[in-house]
Amino acid sequence: MSREAEIEPIFARGDRLIAVHAEDQARILQRRQEFKGITDPAIHSQIQDETAALNATKLALKLSQKYQRRLHILHLSTGIEAEFLRENKPSWVTAEVTPQHLLLNTEAYEKIGTLAQMNPPLRSPENNQILWQALLDGVIDFIATDHAPHTLEEKAKGYPNSPSGMPGVETSLPLMLTQAMAGKCSVSQVSSWMGTKPAEAYKIPNKGLIKTGYDADLVLVDLDNYRPVLREDLQTKCGWSPFEGWNLTGWPIITIVGGNIVYERGKLNTEVRGKALQFGKN
């Protein structure tokens, strides 16, 4: 939906958190017609351009402020959105960014084609730097993955028939810890962005901290060694990553869910299962 009249009743009624994928659908549909017939996947970032993202973020924030409604902006992708939020974001609004939007940009289309296609799209390199600074400054609150594990067969259909999205869960922590080891941020910041802050934003009880009474959901990582992202090593069923070949550290060695070891040095214990999360009211 793009029309304010359609969206406003959602903000006007209820009190639960509203999480938005902020893109102006009307503008996108118009630009699809303008660029119709172009099969280069790089056009995706022009069709779903920065203005489409900013328009939707501005509208969501306007309605959030009007009704004092808790708002979360999913996978922020542009510098202009980040700078708009820097000046206008109230305390009850949060935002997230993906490692893809921090570390990849439009140059990826030339290297990996439709594997770089996602929504919102990858942006220019300049946006990477602005998003990083917004994350470091707290304008963006935490990291998310927007995990969309489309298969290689689906991605091979060619643009615009190829689906948007890429796998992100498995590589997210090593990607961010590699940035920490390179001095871009700290390990404690990564822990906060990927553990504490999401739990706080969604009011998930007993998560996000190592603390008496909290669930023992922990991951132990190796920060001494690096290894490349290889398709054959991935657990995701889609079997690929846009970061293939990247040399990363911080790979999980042991993963503990609810006090039980579910993963240890390459071996999964499929008998261990987590529990459905509970979300408090915002």
Protein backbone atom coordinates (compact mmCIF):
# COMPACT_ATOMS: atom_id res chain seq x y z
CA MET A 1 0.00 0.00 0.00
CA SER A 2 1.18 3.53 -0.77
CA ARG A 3 -1.84 5.77 -0.16
CA GLU A 4 -1.97 7.52 3.19
CA ALA A 5 -5.72 6.94 3.43
CA GLU A 6 -5.20 3.19 3.21
CA ILE A 7 -2.40 3.08 5.75
CA GLU A 8 -3.65 5.56 8.35
CA PRO A 9 -6.34 3.27 9.86
CA ILE A 10 -3.60 0.74 10.71
CA PHE A 11 -1.79 3.35 12.79
CA ALA A 12 -4.99 4.78 14.24
CA ARG A 13 -6.21 1.50 15.75
CA GLY A 14 -4.48 -0.82 18.19
CA ASP A 15 -1.31 -0.52 20.25
CA ARG A 16 1.05 -3.20 18.98
CA LEU A 17 4.31 -2.49 17.20
CA ILE A 18 4.05 -1.78 13.48
CA ALA A 19 7.04 -2.97 11.44
CA VAL A 20 7.23 -1.62 7.89
CA HIS A 21 9.08 -2.52 4.72
CA ALA A 22 9.32 1.09 3.59
CA GLU A 23 9.03 1.41 -0.18
CA ASP A 24 6.54 3.54 -2.14
CA GLN A 25 4.72 0.91 -4.21
CA ALA A 26 2.98 3.44 -6.48
CA ARG A 27 6.32 4.96 -7.47
CA ILE A 28 7.84 1.51 -8.03
CA LEU A 29 4.98 0.42 -10.32
CA GLN A 30 5.36 3.61 -12.33
CA ARG A 31 9.10 3.14 -12.72
CA ARG A 32 8.68 -0.50 -13.73
CA GLN A 33 6.79 0.75 -16.74
CA GLU A 34 9.42 3.40 -17.48
CA PHE A 35 12.22 0.81 -17.47
CA LYS A 36 10.21 -2.05 -18.98
CA GLY A 37 12.22 -4.35 -21.22
CA ILE A 38 15.58 -3.85 -19.50
CA THR A 39 16.94 -7.20 -18.33
CA ASP A 40 20.13 -6.01 -16.65
CA PRO A 41 19.52 -6.71 -12.92
CA ALA A 42 21.34 -3.49 -12.04
CA ILE A 43 18.22 -1.60 -13.15
CA HIS A 44 16.50 -2.97 -10.06
CA SER A 45 18.19 -0.34 -7.89
CA GLN A 46 16.89 2.40 -10.20
CA ILE A 47 13.34 1.08 -10.39
CA GLN A 48 13.07 0.80 -6.60
CA ASP A 49 15.12 3.93 -6.08
CA GLU A 50 16.12 5.91 -3.00
CA THR A 51 13.15 8.24 -3.36
CA ALA A 52 10.73 5.30 -3.19
CA ALA A 53 12.32 4.29 0.10
CA LEU A 54 12.38 7.81 1.56
CA ASN A 55 8.76 8.52 0.59
CA ALA A 56 7.55 5.45 2.47
CA THR A 57 9.72 6.08 5.53
CA LYS A 58 8.49 9.68 5.75
CA LEU A 59 4.85 8.57 5.54
CA ALA A 60 5.28 5.86 8.19
CA LEU A 61 7.01 8.30 10.53
CA LYS A 62 4.35 10.95 9.96
CA LEU A 63 1.58 8.55 10.98
CA SER A 64 3.60 7.16 13.87
CA GLN A 65 4.05 10.67 15.24
CA LYS A 66 0.39 11.56 14.70
CA TYR A 67 -0.85 8.57 16.70
CA GLN A 68 2.19 8.09 18.98
CA ARG A 69 2.30 4.55 17.59
CA ARG A 70 5.33 2.32 18.12
CA LEU A 71 7.08 1.91 14.75
CA HIS A 72 9.98 -0.21 13.53
CA ILE A 73 11.52 0.40 10.11
CA LEU A 74 12.84 -2.79 8.57
CA HIS A 75 16.11 -3.11 6.62
CA LEU A 76 16.91 0.58 6.10
CA SER A 77 18.82 0.88 2.82
CA THR A 78 19.56 4.52 2.03
CA GLY A 79 21.64 7.31 3.42
CA ILE A 80 18.86 9.83 2.87
CA GLU A 81 16.54 7.80 5.10
CA ALA A 82 19.22 7.56 7.77
CA GLU A 83 19.82 11.31 7.73
CA PHE A 84 16.07 11.99 7.79
CA LEU A 85 15.74 9.76 10.86
CA ARG A 86 18.74 11.45 12.48
CA GLU A 87 16.77 14.70 12.51
CA ASN A 88 13.24 13.41 13.04
CA LYS A 89 13.22 10.02 14.81
CA PRO A 90 11.26 10.02 18.11
CA SER A 91 12.09 7.73 21.01
CA TRP A 92 9.37 5.20 20.17
CA VAL A 93 10.70 4.54 16.64
CA THR A 94 13.47 2.03 15.91
CA ALA A 95 15.23 1.00 12.73
CA GLU A 96 17.45 -1.83 11.53
CA VAL A 97 20.01 -2.41 8.78
CA THR A 98 21.30 -5.60 7.16
CA PRO A 99 24.93 -6.61 6.64
CA GLN A 100 24.08 -6.64 2.92
CA HIS A 101 23.27 -2.94 2.90
CA LEU A 102 26.33 -2.15 5.01
CA LEU A 103 28.81 -4.19 2.99
CA LEU A 104 27.43 -4.69 -0.52
CA ASN A 105 26.44 -2.06 -3.07
CA THR A 106 25.44 -1.67 -6.73
CA GLU A 107 28.89 -2.81 -7.86
CA ALA A 108 27.81 -6.34 -6.85
CA TYR A 109 25.46 -6.64 -9.86
CA GLU A 110 28.44 -6.84 -12.23
CA LYS A 111 30.00 -9.61 -10.15
CA ILE A 112 27.05 -11.80 -9.14
CA GLY A 113 24.10 -10.64 -11.26
CA THR A 114 20.66 -11.54 -9.95
CA LEU A 115 22.20 -12.95 -6.75
CA ALA A 116 22.60 -9.29 -5.76
CA GLN A 117 18.89 -8.58 -6.32
CA MET A 118 16.97 -7.87 -3.12
CA ASN A 119 14.28 -5.57 -1.70
CA PRO A 120 14.99 -2.86 -0.82
CA PRO A 121 17.78 -2.94 -3.40
CA LEU A 122 21.48 -2.47 -2.90
CA ARG A 123 22.52 1.17 -3.16
CA SER A 124 25.59 3.12 -4.23
CA PRO A 125 28.85 2.81 -2.22
CA GLU A 126 28.23 6.21 -0.64
CA ASN A 127 25.18 4.79 1.11
CA ASN A 128 27.30 2.11 2.79
CA GLN A 129 29.27 4.74 4.67
CA ILE A 130 26.25 6.79 5.74
CA LEU A 131 24.43 3.70 7.00
CA TRP A 132 27.51 2.60 8.96
CA GLN A 133 27.77 5.99 10.65
CA ALA A 134 24.06 5.98 11.48
CA LEU A 135 24.45 2.54 13.08
CA LEU A 136 27.46 3.64 15.10
CA ASP A 137 25.64 6.79 16.23
CA GLY A 138 22.51 4.91 17.32
CA VAL A 139 20.25 6.37 14.65
CA ILE A 140 19.92 2.78 13.42
CA ASP A 141 19.29 0.54 16.40
CA PHE A 142 20.32 -2.95 15.37
CA ILE A 143 21.23 -5.53 12.73
CA ALA A 144 18.81 -7.85 10.93
CA THR A 145 19.28 -10.28 8.04
CA ASP A 146 16.17 -10.08 5.81
CA HIS A 147 16.89 -13.77 5.14
CA ALA A 148 15.27 -14.80 1.82
CA PRO A 149 16.90 -18.05 0.66
CA HIS A 150 15.79 -18.27 -2.97
CA THR A 151 17.34 -21.14 -4.88
CA LEU A 152 19.94 -20.81 -7.61
CA GLU A 153 17.37 -22.19 -10.04
CA GLU A 154 14.98 -19.37 -9.16
CA LYS A 155 17.73 -16.76 -9.43
CA ALA A 156 18.74 -18.14 -12.86
CA LYS A 157 15.39 -17.13 -14.39
CA GLY A 158 16.87 -13.76 -15.33
CA TYR A 159 15.69 -10.27 -14.48
CA PRO A 160 12.87 -9.26 -13.99
CA ASN A 161 11.60 -12.84 -13.51
CA SER A 162 14.21 -13.63 -10.86
CA PRO A 163 12.96 -13.21 -7.28
CA SER A 164 14.40 -10.58 -4.97
CA GLY A 165 16.17 -11.68 -1.82
CA MET A 166 19.27 -13.45 -0.59
CA PRO A 167 20.25 -15.71 2.31
CA GLY A 168 21.65 -13.83 5.27
CA VAL A 169 21.32 -15.62 8.61
CA GLU A 170 24.34 -17.91 8.44
CA THR A 171 26.91 -15.30 7.48
CA SER A 172 25.54 -12.35 9.45
CA LEU A 173 27.51 -12.84 12.67
CA PRO A 174 30.87 -13.65 11.00
CA LEU A 175 30.43 -10.67 8.69
CA MET A 176 29.87 -8.27 11.57
CA LEU A 177 32.60 -9.77 13.77
CA THR A 178 35.04 -9.52 10.87
CA GLN A 179 34.21 -5.82 10.71
CA ALA A 180 34.81 -5.58 14.46
CA MET A 181 38.22 -7.22 14.14
CA ALA A 182 39.04 -4.75 11.35
CA GLY A 183 38.30 -1.86 13.72
CA LYS A 184 35.01 -0.76 12.17
CA CYS A 185 33.14 -1.37 15.43
CA SER A 186 33.59 -3.37 18.64
CA VAL A 187 32.67 -6.95 19.50
CA SER A 188 30.43 -5.65 22.29
CA GLN A 189 28.60 -3.43 19.79
CA VAL A 190 27.99 -6.42 17.53
CA SER A 191 26.64 -8.37 20.51
CA SER A 192 24.29 -5.50 21.34
CA TRP A 193 23.15 -4.97 17.73
CA MET A 194 22.45 -8.67 17.18
CA GLY A 195 21.26 -9.72 20.63
CA THR A 196 20.33 -7.13 23.21
CA LYS A 197 18.78 -4.43 21.04
CA PRO A 198 16.42 -6.68 19.01
CA ALA A 199 15.15 -8.27 22.23
CA GLU A 200 14.54 -4.83 23.72
CA ALA A 201 12.81 -3.49 20.61
CA TYR A 202 10.40 -6.41 20.34
CA LYS A 203 10.08 -6.81 24.13
CA ILE A 204 11.09 -10.47 24.01
CA PRO A 205 11.36 -11.65 27.62
CA ASN A 206 14.49 -13.38 28.93
CA LYS A 207 16.50 -12.83 25.75
CA GLY A 208 19.45 -10.69 24.72
CA LEU A 209 21.57 -10.79 27.88
CA ILE A 210 23.75 -13.20 29.82
CA LYS A 211 21.94 -12.81 33.13
CA THR A 212 20.44 -14.92 35.90
CA GLY A 213 16.93 -15.97 34.92
CA TYR A 214 17.50 -15.37 31.20
CA ASP A 215 17.43 -18.15 28.63
CA ALA A 216 20.86 -19.65 27.98
CA ASP A 217 20.91 -18.90 24.24
CA LEU A 218 24.59 -18.47 23.50
CA VAL A 219 27.08 -18.74 20.67
CA LEU A 220 30.82 -19.30 21.12
CA VAL A 221 32.90 -18.08 18.19
CA ASP A 222 36.46 -18.33 16.93
CA LEU A 223 38.07 -14.89 16.53
CA ASP A 224 41.58 -16.23 15.98
CA ASN A 225 41.07 -17.88 12.61
CA TYR A 226 39.66 -16.86 9.25
CA ARG A 227 38.09 -18.99 6.55
CA PRO A 228 36.30 -18.19 3.29
CA VAL A 229 32.59 -18.46 2.67
CA LEU A 230 32.20 -21.60 0.55
CA ARG A 231 28.98 -23.03 -0.84
CA GLU A 232 29.85 -26.54 0.26
CA ASP A 233 30.21 -25.41 3.88
CA LEU A 234 26.86 -23.63 4.12
CA GLN A 235 23.99 -25.15 6.11
CA THR A 236 21.30 -23.13 4.32
CA LYS A 237 19.25 -25.28 1.96
CA CYS A 238 19.54 -22.76 -0.88
CA GLY A 239 23.27 -23.51 -0.98
CA TRP A 240 24.74 -20.12 -1.88
CA SER A 241 25.73 -16.76 -0.42
CA PRO A 242 26.32 -13.32 -1.96
CA PHE A 243 29.47 -13.27 0.19
CA GLU A 244 30.99 -16.38 -1.37
CA GLY A 245 34.78 -16.11 -1.24
CA TRP A 246 34.84 -13.48 1.52
CA ASN A 247 37.37 -14.38 4.20
CA LEU A 248 35.66 -14.13 7.58
CA THR A 249 36.32 -14.70 11.24
CA GLY A 250 33.91 -15.20 14.13
CA TRP A 251 32.38 -18.41 12.80
CA PRO A 252 30.30 -20.25 15.43
CA ILE A 253 32.04 -23.12 17.18
CA ILE A 254 29.29 -23.99 19.65
CA THR A 255 25.66 -22.83 19.67
CA ILE A 256 23.56 -23.30 22.81
CA VAL A 257 19.77 -22.99 22.80
CA GLY A 258 17.97 -23.01 26.12
CA GLY A 259 21.05 -24.40 27.83
CA ASN A 260 21.42 -27.29 25.36
CA ILE A 261 24.14 -27.64 22.72
CA VAL A 262 22.50 -27.63 19.30
CA TYR A 263 25.65 -27.16 17.19
CA GLU A 264 29.24 -28.07 17.90
CA ARG A 265 32.15 -27.88 15.45
CA GLY A 266 30.16 -28.66 12.33
CA LYS A 267 27.71 -31.13 13.84
CA LEU A 268 24.02 -30.37 14.43
CA ASN A 269 21.98 -31.93 17.22
CA THR A 270 18.56 -32.01 15.57
CA GLU A 271 16.89 -33.22 18.77
CA VAL A 272 17.34 -29.80 20.38
CA ARG A 273 14.61 -27.32 19.50
CA GLY A 274 13.92 -23.78 20.59
CA LYS A 275 10.57 -22.44 21.72
CA ALA A 276 8.23 -19.95 20.10
CA LEU A 277 9.14 -16.41 21.09
CA GLN A 278 6.82 -14.28 23.15
CA PHE A 279 6.44 -10.58 22.38
CA GLY A 280 5.36 -7.97 24.90
CA LYS A 281 3.19 -4.98 24.08
CA ASN A 282 4.97 -1.80 23.05
